[in-house]
C-alpha atoms as a PDB file:
ATOM      1  CA  MET A   1     -14.973 -22.693 -15.178  1.00  0.00           C
ATOM      2  CA  ASN A   2     -15.191 -22.109 -18.917  1.00  0.00           C
ATOM      3  CA  TRP A   3     -12.561 -20.159 -20.809  1.00  0.00           C
ATOM      4  CA  VAL A   4     -12.620 -18.613 -24.244  1.00  0.00           C
ATOM      5  CA  CYS A   5      -9.428 -18.591 -26.290  1.00  0.00           C
ATOM      6  CA  ALA A   6      -9.429 -15.557 -28.550  1.00  0.00           C
ATOM      7  CA  PRO A   7      -6.833 -14.860 -31.297  1.00  0.00           C
ATOM      8  CA  SER A   8      -3.238 -14.037 -30.281  1.00  0.00           C
ATOM      9  CA  ASN A   9      -3.428 -16.246 -27.192  1.00  0.00           C
ATOM     10  CA  VAL A  10      -5.820 -13.997 -25.288  1.00  0.00           C
ATOM     11  CA  PHE A  11      -7.641 -15.847 -22.509  1.00  0.00           C
ATOM     12  CA  ARG A  12     -10.690 -14.318 -20.864  1.00  0.00           C
ATOM     13  CA  ASN A  13     -12.662 -15.593 -17.934  1.00  0.00           C
ATOM     14  CA  PRO A  14     -16.382 -15.169 -18.772  1.00  0.00           C
ATOM     15  CA  ASP A  15     -17.458 -16.265 -15.294  1.00  0.00           C
ATOM     16  CA  ARG A  16     -16.079 -13.160 -13.577  1.00  0.00           C
ATOM     17  CA  ARG A  17     -18.476 -10.210 -13.658  1.00  0.00           C
ATOM     18  CA  GLN A  18     -17.149  -7.001 -15.137  1.00  0.00           C
ATOM     19  CA  ASN A  19     -18.924  -4.557 -12.835  1.00  0.00           C
ATOM     20  CA  VAL A  20     -16.159  -2.852 -10.910  1.00  0.00           C
ATOM     21  CA  SER A  21     -16.098  -0.539  -7.953  1.00  0.00           C
ATOM     22  CA  CYS A  22     -13.940   2.565  -8.209  1.00  0.00           C
ATOM     23  CA  LEU A  23     -10.880   2.516  -5.979  1.00  0.00           C
ATOM     24  CA  SER A  24      -8.903   5.741  -6.207  1.00  0.00           C
ATOM     25  CA  LEU A  25      -5.211   5.665  -5.398  1.00  0.00           C
ATOM     26  CA  ALA A  26      -3.409   8.824  -4.294  1.00  0.00           C
ATOM     27  CA  VAL A  27       0.038   7.871  -5.466  1.00  0.00           C
ATOM     28  CA  PHE A  28       1.645   9.789  -8.323  1.00  0.00           C
ATOM     29  CA  THR A  29       1.197  13.533  -8.430  1.00  0.00           C
ATOM     30  CA  LYS A  30      -0.067  14.842 -11.751  1.00  0.00           C
ATOM     31  CA  GLY A  31      -0.522  18.499 -12.601  1.00  0.00           C
ATOM     32  CA  CYS A  32       0.443  19.482  -9.079  1.00  0.00           C
ATOM     33  CA  GLN A  33       1.403  22.899  -7.765  1.00  0.00           C
ATOM     34  CA  ALA A  34       5.036  23.565  -6.928  1.00  0.00           C
ATOM     35  CA  VAL A  35       6.193  22.702  -3.416  1.00  0.00           C
ATOM     36  CA  GLN A  36       9.511  23.214  -1.689  1.00  0.00           C
ATOM     37  CA  ILE A  37      11.775  20.230  -1.210  1.00  0.00           C
ATOM     38  CA  LYS A  38      11.735  21.056   2.514  1.00  0.00           C
ATOM     39  CA  SER A  39       8.018  20.230   2.619  1.00  0.00           C
ATOM     40  CA  ILE A  40       8.695  16.881   1.001  1.00  0.00           C
ATOM     41  CA  LYS A  41      11.546  16.232   3.439  1.00  0.00           C
ATOM     42  CA  ASP A  42       9.334  17.034   6.413  1.00  0.00           C
ATOM     43  CA  VAL A  43       6.381  14.883   5.395  1.00  0.00           C
ATOM     44  CA  LEU A  44       8.689  11.948   4.610  1.00  0.00           C
ATOM     45  CA  GLU A  45      10.600  12.482   7.864  1.00  0.00           C
ATOM     46  CA  ALA A  46      13.678  12.213   5.659  1.00  0.00           C
ATOM     47  CA  SER A  47      17.297  12.784   6.546  1.00  0.00           C
ATOM     48  CA  VAL A  48      19.447  15.042   4.376  1.00  0.00           C
ATOM     49  CA  ILE A  49      22.431  13.390   2.727  1.00  0.00           C
ATOM     50  CA  VAL A  50      23.428  16.323   0.537  1.00  0.00           C
ATOM     51  CA  GLY A  51      21.920  19.746  -0.178  1.00  0.00           C
ATOM     52  CA  ALA A  52      20.664  21.133   3.119  1.00  0.00           C
ATOM     53  CA  GLU A  53      21.254  24.628   1.738  1.00  0.00           C
ATOM     54  CA  SER A  54      18.891  23.942  -1.191  1.00  0.00           C
ATOM     55  CA  LEU A  55      15.818  22.687   0.653  1.00  0.00           C
ATOM     56  CA  ASP A  56      13.862  25.794  -0.319  1.00  0.00           C
ATOM     57  CA  THR A  57      14.121  24.795  -4.007  1.00  0.00           C
ATOM     58  CA  PRO A  58      10.630  24.384  -5.518  1.00  0.00           C
ATOM     59  CA  VAL A  59       9.719  21.259  -7.487  1.00  0.00           C
ATOM     60  CA  GLU A  60       6.698  20.905  -9.754  1.00  0.00           C
ATOM     61  CA  HIS A  61       6.470  17.127 -10.128  1.00  0.00           C
ATOM     62  CA  VAL A  62       7.314  13.954  -8.259  1.00  0.00           C
ATOM     63  CA  TYR A  63       8.348  10.864 -10.186  1.00  0.00           C
ATOM     64  CA  ALA A  64       8.696   7.464  -8.493  1.00  0.00           C
ATOM     65  CA  SER A  65      10.531   4.680 -10.273  1.00  0.00           C
ATOM     66  CA  ASP A  66      13.292   2.103  -9.984  1.00  0.00           C
ATOM     67  CA  LEU A  67      13.689   1.976 -13.768  1.00  0.00           C
ATOM     68  CA  MET A  68      16.026   4.729 -14.906  1.00  0.00           C
ATOM     69  CA  SER A  69      15.096   4.373 -18.580  1.00  0.00           C
ATOM     70  CA  ASP A  70      11.552   5.381 -17.574  1.00  0.00           C
ATOM     71  CA  VAL A  71      12.916   8.355 -15.645  1.00  0.00           C
ATOM     72  CA  LEU A  72      14.699   9.541 -18.776  1.00  0.00           C
ATOM     73  CA  ALA A  73      11.724   8.818 -21.025  1.00  0.00           C
ATOM     74  CA  PHE A  74       8.859  10.189 -18.926  1.00  0.00           C
ATOM     75  CA  GLY A  75      10.340  12.372 -16.205  1.00  0.00           C
ATOM     76  CA  ARG A  76       9.772  16.113 -16.329  1.00  0.00           C
ATOM     77  CA  PRO A  77      12.221  18.911 -15.507  1.00  0.00           C
ATOM     78  CA  ASN A  78      12.009  20.457 -12.047  1.00  0.00           C
ATOM     79  CA  SER A  79      10.984  17.140 -10.483  1.00  0.00           C
ATOM     80  CA  ILE A  80      12.214  15.122  -7.554  1.00  0.00           C
ATOM     81  CA  LEU A  81      12.793  11.379  -7.904  1.00  0.00           C
ATOM     82  CA  LEU A  82      11.663   8.754  -5.406  1.00  0.00           C
ATOM     83  CA  THR A  83      13.560   5.508  -5.915  1.00  0.00           C
ATOM     84  CA  GLY A  84      14.815   2.387  -4.205  1.00  0.00           C
ATOM     85  CA  LEU A  85      18.001   2.407  -6.273  1.00  0.00           C
ATOM     86  CA  ALA A  86      20.612   4.021  -4.065  1.00  0.00           C
ATOM     87  CA  THR A  87      23.252   4.209  -6.774  1.00  0.00           C
ATOM     88  CA  GLN A  88      25.189   6.881  -8.615  1.00  0.00           C
ATOM     89  CA  GLN A  89      23.442   5.899 -11.843  1.00  0.00           C
ATOM     90  CA  ALA A  90      20.095   6.829 -10.314  1.00  0.00           C
ATOM     91  CA  VAL A  91      21.436  10.250  -9.332  1.00  0.00           C
ATOM     92  CA  ILE A  92      23.065  10.758 -12.742  1.00  0.00           C
ATOM     93  CA  SER A  93      19.807   9.801 -14.489  1.00  0.00           C
ATOM     94  CA  ALA A  94      17.909  12.324 -12.370  1.00  0.00           C
ATOM     95  CA  HIS A  95      20.480  14.995 -13.187  1.00  0.00           C
ATOM     96  CA  ILE A  96      20.309  14.269 -16.924  1.00  0.00           C
ATOM     97  CA  ALA A  97      16.507  14.519 -16.749  1.00  0.00           C
ATOM     98  CA  GLU A  98      16.895  17.910 -14.991  1.00  0.00           C
ATOM     99  CA  PHE A  99      15.517  16.772 -11.648  1.00  0.00           C
ATOM    100  CA  LYS A 100      16.270  18.853  -8.572  1.00  0.00           C
ATOM    101  CA  GLY A 101      16.878  15.966  -6.225  1.00  0.00           C
ATOM    102  CA  VAL A 102      16.504  12.304  -5.313  1.00  0.00           C
ATOM    103  CA  VAL A 103      14.829  10.622  -2.352  1.00  0.00           C
ATOM    104  CA  PHE A 104      16.021   7.106  -1.522  1.00  0.00           C
ATOM    105  CA  VAL A 105      13.133   5.106  -0.041  1.00  0.00           C
ATOM    106  CA  ARG A 106      13.141   2.185   2.410  1.00  0.00           C
ATOM    107  CA  GLY A 107      15.961   3.776   4.396  1.00  0.00           C
ATOM    108  CA  LYS A 108      18.546   3.261   1.680  1.00  0.00           C
ATOM    109  CA  ARG A 109      21.685   5.372   1.431  1.00  0.00           C
ATOM    110  CA  ALA A 110      24.197   5.416  -1.404  1.00  0.00           C
ATOM    111  CA  LYS A 111      27.537   3.760  -0.715  1.00  0.00           C
ATOM    112  CA  ASP A 112      29.246   5.011  -3.877  1.00  0.00           C
ATOM    113  CA  ASP A 113      30.105   8.497  -5.138  1.00  0.00           C
ATOM    114  CA  SER A 114      26.475   9.632  -5.372  1.00  0.00           C
ATOM    115  CA  PRO A 115      26.780  12.293  -2.629  1.00  0.00           C
ATOM    116  CA  GLN A 116      29.780  13.909  -4.293  1.00  0.00           C
ATOM    117  CA  PHE A 117      28.090  13.866  -7.704  1.00  0.00           C
ATOM    118  CA  ALA A 118      24.973  15.455  -6.217  1.00  0.00           C
ATOM    119  CA  ARG A 119      27.059  18.070  -4.414  1.00  0.00           C
ATOM    120  CA  ASP A 120      28.969  18.945  -7.593  1.00  0.00           C
ATOM    121  CA  ASN A 121      25.699  19.354  -9.517  1.00  0.00           C
ATOM    122  CA  HIS A 122      23.738  21.227  -6.840  1.00  0.00           C
ATOM    123  CA  MET A 123      21.215  18.449  -6.225  1.00  0.00           C
ATOM    124  CA  VAL A 124      19.457  17.434  -3.011  1.00  0.00           C
ATOM    125  CA  LEU A 125      19.759  13.859  -1.745  1.00  0.00           C
ATOM    126  CA  LEU A 126      17.359  12.608   0.923  1.00  0.00           C
ATOM    127  CA  SER A 127      16.676   9.258   2.579  1.00  0.00           C
ATOM    128  CA  THR A 128      13.338   8.155   4.065  1.00  0.00           C
ATOM    129  CA  SER A 129      12.355   4.990   5.889  1.00  0.00           C
ATOM    130  CA  TYR A 130       8.984   4.890   4.093  1.00  0.00           C
ATOM    131  CA  ASP A 131       8.508   2.523   1.173  1.00  0.00           C
ATOM    132  CA  MET A 132       7.685   3.782  -2.311  1.00  0.00           C
ATOM    133  CA  TYR A 133       3.907   3.707  -2.002  1.00  0.00           C
ATOM    134  CA  ASP A 134       3.654   5.341   1.418  1.00  0.00           C
ATOM    135  CA  ALA A 135       6.142   8.003   0.362  1.00  0.00           C
ATOM    136  CA  CYS A 136       4.085   8.830  -2.741  1.00  0.00           C
ATOM    137  CA  VAL A 137       0.873   9.087  -0.716  1.00  0.00           C
ATOM    138  CA  ARG A 138       2.487  11.452   1.773  1.00  0.00           C
ATOM    139  CA  VAL A 139       3.946  13.653  -0.961  1.00  0.00           C
ATOM    140  CA  ASP A 140       0.541  13.819  -2.651  1.00  0.00           C
ATOM    141  CA  CYS A 141      -1.018  15.021   0.600  1.00  0.00           C
ATOM    142  CA  VAL A 142       1.522  17.860   0.702  1.00  0.00           C
ATOM    143  CA  ARG A 143       0.726  18.738  -2.904  1.00  0.00           C
ATOM    144  CA  ARG A 144      -2.963  18.998  -1.996  1.00  0.00           C
ATOM    145  CA  GLY A 145      -2.160  21.329   0.892  1.00  0.00           C
ATOM    146  CA  SER A 146      -2.655  18.868   3.748  1.00  0.00           C
ATOM    147  CA  THR A 147      -0.146  18.949   6.593  1.00  0.00           C
ATOM    148  CA  ALA A 148      -1.590  15.892   8.336  1.00  0.00           C
ATOM    149  CA  ILE A 149      -1.708  12.409   6.870  1.00  0.00           C
ATOM    150  CA  PRO A 150      -5.031  10.793   7.780  1.00  0.00           C
ATOM    151  CA  PRO A 151      -4.746   7.015   8.319  1.00  0.00           C
ATOM    152  CA  GLU A 152      -7.285   6.286   5.603  1.00  0.00           C
ATOM    153  CA  ALA A 153      -5.151   8.182   3.080  1.00  0.00           C
ATOM    154  CA  LEU A 154      -2.603   5.401   3.265  1.00  0.00           C
ATOM    155  CA  VAL A 155      -5.216   3.033   1.859  1.00  0.00           C
ATOM    156  CA  ARG A 156      -7.719   4.971  -0.221  1.00  0.00           C
ATOM    157  CA  SER A 157      -8.391   8.546  -1.251  1.00  0.00           C
ATOM    158  CA  SER A 158     -10.841  10.401  -3.431  1.00  0.00           C
ATOM    159  CA  VAL A 159      -8.286  11.620  -5.956  1.00  0.00           C
ATOM    160  CA  PRO A 160      -9.348  10.209  -9.359  1.00  0.00           C
ATOM    161  CA  GLU A 161      -7.229   9.002 -12.247  1.00  0.00           C
ATOM    162  CA  MET A 162      -4.252   8.050 -10.141  1.00  0.00           C
ATOM    163  CA  SER A 163      -2.183   4.926 -10.533  1.00  0.00           C
ATOM    164  CA  LEU A 164       0.439   2.996  -8.628  1.00  0.00           C
ATOM    165  CA  ARG A 165       3.331   1.477 -10.536  1.00  0.00           C
ATOM    166  CA  HIS A 166       6.113  -0.800  -9.396  1.00  0.00           C
ATOM    167  CA  MET A 167       8.818  -2.606 -11.353  1.00  0.00           C
ATOM    168  CA  PHE A 168      10.797  -5.637 -10.223  1.00  0.00           C
ATOM    169  CA  LEU A 169      13.612  -7.681 -11.747  1.00  0.00           C
ATOM    170  CA  VAL A 170      13.747 -11.480 -11.581  1.00  0.00           C
ATOM    171  CA  ASN A 171      16.820 -13.527 -12.505  1.00  0.00           C
ATOM    172  CA  GLY A 172      16.571 -16.939 -14.095  1.00  0.00           C
ATOM    173  CA  GLY A 173      17.944 -19.785 -12.006  1.00  0.00           C
ATOM    174  CA  ASP A 174      17.778 -17.763  -8.780  1.00  0.00           C
ATOM    175  CA  PHE A 175      15.814 -20.297  -6.717  1.00  0.00           C
ATOM    176  CA  ALA A 176      17.088 -18.782  -3.459  1.00  0.00           C
ATOM    177  CA  ASN A 177      15.096 -15.570  -4.092  1.00  0.00           C
ATOM    178  CA  ALA A 178      12.226 -17.116  -6.033  1.00  0.00           C
ATOM    179  CA  GLY A 179       8.929 -15.746  -4.758  1.00  0.00           C
ATOM    180  CA  MET A 180      10.292 -12.498  -3.323  1.00  0.00           C
ATOM    181  CA  THR A 181       8.727 -10.403  -6.086  1.00  0.00           C
ATOM    182  CA  SER A 182       5.278 -11.954  -5.716  1.00  0.00           C
ATOM    183  CA  THR A 183       5.564 -11.526  -1.943  1.00  0.00           C
ATOM    184  CA  GLU A 184       6.266  -7.815  -2.440  1.00  0.00           C
ATOM    185  CA  VAL A 185       3.334  -7.514  -4.864  1.00  0.00           C
ATOM    186  CA  LYS A 186       1.040  -9.135  -2.291  1.00  0.00           C
ATOM    187  CA  SER A 187       2.272  -6.744   0.416  1.00  0.00           C
ATOM    188  CA  ILE A 188       1.625  -3.700  -1.778  1.00  0.00           C
ATOM    189  CA  LEU A 189      -1.921  -4.775  -2.625  1.00  0.00           C
ATOM    190  CA  LYS A 190      -2.725  -5.530   1.007  1.00  0.00           C
ATOM    191  CA  LYS A 191      -1.584  -2.018   1.956  1.00  0.00           C
ATOM    192  CA  LEU A 192      -4.023  -0.633  -0.582  1.00  0.00           C
ATOM    193  CA  GLY A 193      -6.870  -2.363   1.219  1.00  0.00           C
ATOM    194  CA  LEU A 194      -7.934  -4.415  -1.779  1.00  0.00           C
ATOM    195  CA  ASN A 195     -10.273  -7.380  -1.348  1.00  0.00           C
ATOM    196  CA  PRO A 196      -8.259 -10.287   0.135  1.00  0.00           C
ATOM    197  CA  LYS A 197      -9.631 -12.660  -2.494  1.00  0.00           C
ATOM    198  CA  LEU A 198      -8.379 -10.359  -5.247  1.00  0.00           C
ATOM    199  CA  VAL A 199      -4.988 -10.020  -3.557  1.00  0.00           C
ATOM    200  CA  ARG A 200      -4.725 -13.800  -3.368  1.00  0.00           C
ATOM    201  CA  ARG A 201      -5.509 -14.246  -7.066  1.00  0.00           C
ATOM    202  CA  VAL A 202      -2.933 -11.650  -8.090  1.00  0.00           C
ATOM    203  CA  ALA A 203      -0.288 -13.071  -5.761  1.00  0.00           C
ATOM    204  CA  ILE A 204      -0.775 -16.641  -6.984  1.00  0.00           C
ATOM    205  CA  SER A 205      -0.636 -15.615 -10.629  1.00  0.00           C
ATOM    206  CA  THR A 206       2.448 -13.473 -10.096  1.00  0.00           C
ATOM    207  CA  TYR A 207       4.177 -16.261  -8.198  1.00  0.00           C
ATOM    208  CA  GLU A 208       3.468 -18.803 -10.939  1.00  0.00           C
ATOM    209  CA  GLY A 209       4.817 -16.395 -13.556  1.00  0.00           C
ATOM    210  CA  GLU A 210       7.858 -15.610 -11.424  1.00  0.00           C
ATOM    211  CA  MET A 211       8.649 -19.308 -11.018  1.00  0.00           C
ATOM    212  CA  ASN A 212       8.398 -19.814 -14.779  1.00  0.00           C
ATOM    213  CA  VAL A 213      11.077 -17.142 -15.180  1.00  0.00           C
ATOM    214  CA  VAL A 214      13.330 -18.704 -12.569  1.00  0.00           C
ATOM    215  CA  MET A 215      13.005 -22.143 -14.169  1.00  0.00           C
ATOM    216  CA  HIS A 216      12.938 -21.357 -17.877  1.00  0.00           C
ATOM    217  CA  ALA A 217      14.205 -17.827 -18.659  1.00  0.00           C
ATOM    218  CA  ASP A 218      17.377 -15.791 -18.306  1.00  0.00           C
ATOM    219  CA  ARG A 219      15.782 -12.766 -16.660  1.00  0.00           C
ATOM    220  CA  ALA A 220      12.526 -10.831 -16.569  1.00  0.00           C
ATOM    221  CA  GLN A 221      10.927  -7.531 -15.704  1.00  0.00           C
ATOM    222  CA  VAL A 222       7.749  -7.707 -13.626  1.00  0.00           C
ATOM    223  CA  ASN A 223       5.486  -4.657 -13.794  1.00  0.00           C
ATOM    224  CA  LEU A 224       2.629  -3.999 -11.375  1.00  0.00           C
ATOM    225  CA  THR A 225       0.109  -1.264 -12.176  1.00  0.00           C
ATOM    226  CA  VAL A 226      -2.930  -0.554 -10.011  1.00  0.00           C
ATOM    227  CA  THR A 227      -5.668   1.801 -11.207  1.00  0.00           C
ATOM    228  CA  PRO A 228      -9.121   2.458  -9.750  1.00  0.00           C
ATOM    229  CA  ARG A 229     -10.583  -0.288 -11.933  1.00  0.00           C
ATOM    230  CA  VAL A 230      -7.956  -2.900 -12.623  1.00  0.00           C
ATOM    231  CA  VAL A 231      -4.737  -4.480 -11.391  1.00  0.00           C
ATOM    232  CA  ASN A 232      -2.324  -5.197 -14.235  1.00  0.00           C
ATOM    233  CA  VAL A 233       0.670  -7.508 -13.923  1.00  0.00           C
ATOM    234  CA  SER A 234       3.050  -8.030 -16.817  1.00  0.00           C
ATOM    235  CA  ILE A 235       6.007 -10.393 -16.808  1.00  0.00           C
ATOM    236  CA  ILE A 236       8.347  -9.818 -19.742  1.00  0.00           C
ATOM    237  CA  ASP A 237      11.217 -12.261 -19.919  1.00  0.00           C
ATOM    238  CA  GLU A 238      14.272 -12.913 -22.032  1.00  0.00           C
ATOM    239  CA  GLY A 239      14.771 -16.589 -22.712  1.00  0.00           C
ATOM    240  CA  LYS A 240      13.992 -19.524 -24.921  1.00  0.00           C
ATOM    241  CA  GLY A 241      10.302 -18.728 -25.364  1.00  0.00           C
ATOM    242  CA  ILE A 242       7.355 -21.130 -25.675  1.00  0.00           C
ATOM    243  CA  PRO A 243       7.161 -23.133 -28.937  1.00  0.00           C
ATOM    244  CA  ASP A 244       3.489 -24.100 -28.495  1.00  0.00           C
ATOM    245  CA  VAL A 245       1.420 -21.894 -26.196  1.00  0.00           C
ATOM    246  CA  GLU A 246      -1.714 -24.025 -26.493  1.00  0.00           C
ATOM    247  CA  GLN A 247       0.219 -27.087 -25.391  1.00  0.00           C
ATOM    248  CA  ALA A 248       1.820 -25.168 -22.528  1.00  0.00           C
ATOM    249  CA  MET A 249      -1.657 -24.213 -21.303  1.00  0.00           C
ATOM    250  CA  GLN A 250      -2.614 -27.861 -20.799  1.00  0.00           C
ATOM    251  CA  GLU A 251      -2.621 -28.997 -17.183  1.00  0.00           C
ATOM    252  CA  GLY A 252       0.237 -31.362 -16.453  1.00  0.00           C
ATOM    253  CA  PHE A 253       2.390 -30.387 -19.430  1.00  0.00           C
ATOM    254  CA  THR A 254       5.882 -29.455 -18.264  1.00  0.00           C
ATOM    255  CA  THR A 255       9.412 -29.042 -19.548  1.00  0.00           C
ATOM    256  CA  ALA A 256      10.888 -28.851 -16.045  1.00  0.00           C
ATOM    257  CA  THR A 257      14.023 -30.866 -15.343  1.00  0.00           C
ATOM    258  CA  GLU A 258      14.189 -33.647 -12.767  1.00  0.00           C
ATOM    259  CA  GLU A 259      16.221 -31.322 -10.548  1.00  0.00           C
ATOM    260  CA  MET A 260      13.457 -28.720 -10.644  1.00  0.00           C
ATOM    261  CA  ARG A 261      10.834 -31.338  -9.846  1.00  0.00           C
ATOM    262  CA  ALA A 262      12.906 -32.578  -6.922  1.00  0.00           C
ATOM    263  CA  MET A 263      12.644 -29.050  -5.470  1.00  0.00           C
ATOM    264  CA  GLY A 264       8.852 -29.196  -5.759  1.00  0.00           C
ATOM    265  CA  PHE A 265       8.452 -27.180  -8.961  1.00  0.00           C
ATOM    266  CA  GLY A 266       7.436 -27.999 -12.506  1.00  0.00           C
ATOM    267  CA  SER A 267       4.151 -29.883 -12.072  1.00  0.00           C
ATOM    268  CA  GLY A 268       2.748 -28.377 -15.249  1.00  0.00           C
ATOM    269  CA  MET A 269       0.167 -26.218 -13.457  1.00  0.00           C
ATOM    270  CA  GLY A 270       1.840 -22.795 -13.767  1.00  0.00           C
ATOM    271  CA  LEU A 271       0.123 -21.266 -16.798  1.00  0.00           C
ATOM    272  CA  PRO A 272      -3.188 -23.078 -16.175  1.00  0.00           C
ATOM    273  CA  ASN A 273      -3.167 -21.714 -12.628  1.00  0.00           C
ATOM    274  CA  ILE A 274      -2.583 -18.180 -13.926  1.00  0.00           C
ATOM    275  CA  LYS A 275      -5.439 -18.637 -16.378  1.00  0.00           C
ATOM    276  CA  ARG A 276      -7.670 -19.875 -13.556  1.00  0.00           C
ATOM    277  CA  ASN A 277      -7.007 -16.814 -11.373  1.00  0.00           C
ATOM    278  CA  ALA A 278      -6.727 -13.941 -13.858  1.00  0.00           C
ATOM    279  CA  ASP A 279      -9.713 -12.196 -15.404  1.00  0.00           C
ATOM    280  CA  GLU A 280      -7.783 -11.826 -18.630  1.00  0.00           C
ATOM    281  CA  LEU A 281      -4.492 -13.330 -19.764  1.00  0.00           C
ATOM    282  CA  VAL A 282      -2.525 -12.517 -22.893  1.00  0.00           C
ATOM    283  CA  ILE A 283       0.509 -14.625 -23.794  1.00  0.00           C
ATOM    284  CA  LYS A 284       3.000 -13.499 -26.408  1.00  0.00           C
ATOM    285  CA  SER A 285       6.023 -15.677 -27.035  1.00  0.00           C
ATOM    286  CA  GLU A 286       8.796 -15.906 -29.592  1.00  0.00           C
ATOM    287  CA  VAL A 287      11.130 -18.877 -29.624  1.00  0.00           C
ATOM    288  CA  GLY A 288      14.688 -17.849 -28.872  1.00  0.00           C
ATOM    289  CA  LYS A 289      13.696 -14.409 -27.586  1.00  0.00           C
ATOM    290  CA  GLY A 290      11.255 -14.695 -24.714  1.00  0.00           C
ATOM    291  CA  THR A 291       7.704 -14.582 -23.411  1.00  0.00           C
ATOM    292  CA  GLN A 292       5.313 -11.887 -22.242  1.00  0.00           C
ATOM    293  CA  LEU A 293       2.514 -12.616 -19.783  1.00  0.00           C
ATOM    294  CA  LEU A 294      -0.046  -9.815 -19.535  1.00  0.00           C
ATOM    295  CA  MET A 295      -2.580 -10.331 -16.740  1.00  0.00           C
ATOM    296  CA  LYS A 296      -5.636  -8.294 -15.779  1.00  0.00           C
ATOM    297  CA  PHE A 297      -7.552  -8.518 -12.499  1.00  0.00           C
ATOM    298  CA  PHE A 298     -10.630  -6.345 -12.236  1.00  0.00           C
ATOM    299  CA  VAL A 299     -11.206  -4.501  -8.959  1.00  0.00           C
ATOM    300  CA  GLU A 300     -14.727  -5.667  -8.298  1.00  0.00           C
ATOM    301  CA  SER A 301     -16.805  -5.959  -5.165  1.00  0.00           C
ATOM    302  CA  ASN A 302     -17.016  -9.762  -5.282  1.00  0.00           C
ATOM    303  CA  ALA A 303     -13.303 -10.129  -6.238  1.00  0.00           C
END
């Protein structure tokens, strides 16, 4: 397989065709009509933690995120937040952004003072057993006036210009949990019904990037974005950076310690393996600050 190295460490795979099929994802609601929180509670089969008296409150937008800085930056007033962070800071962030309530996904419930804070500020707190993606799909069906959730809606829908976004945190040196993020990414893509070959390429690339963080960085944020045409994965770490990207791209080159090699890691195939599986790879690195891996995988029929 031939690769072209463009300026700024951009790697493109010329052997993968660029014709893509359009996969529409009904995930985030955009420009939706107002719905009552009760409708959201019902479709998510959620339990009420706080605010049963306020379930008739209308909300105009739904925002799903585990990154509170994004909630503050991009959230709109009169929204409800779907999040996996069952903490008081999540509820405070929603309140500051003028949200009407918070839904904890994956069955999570706050163990701190979140309920009291929500009660004092007239917010609704709910908890649903659905994960983030399934919850967003169900809420979108309510927004479109559907009371039933067809099985196929949990995989594909005809709503254009939608996108799915997930954010994960990876800690350097955490070998015990290494691979959990890439496993979650793989699970999400499989739920979307994407081509298994495409899912495999994304999972392998994400895993290689995740392991690089665990071995060589302090911490990283992994972002997954799925649109009708492309799957984007970015891994942005804080660490020592890569002094020579071209050298790091050579198969067999490694800076892994003997301890890491003894655990089966550090063979020098991480970045080359990402390059082999991604349709496009951009590497930005600054010594002493960190590295960014930006990967694109086109949603195409032959995957």
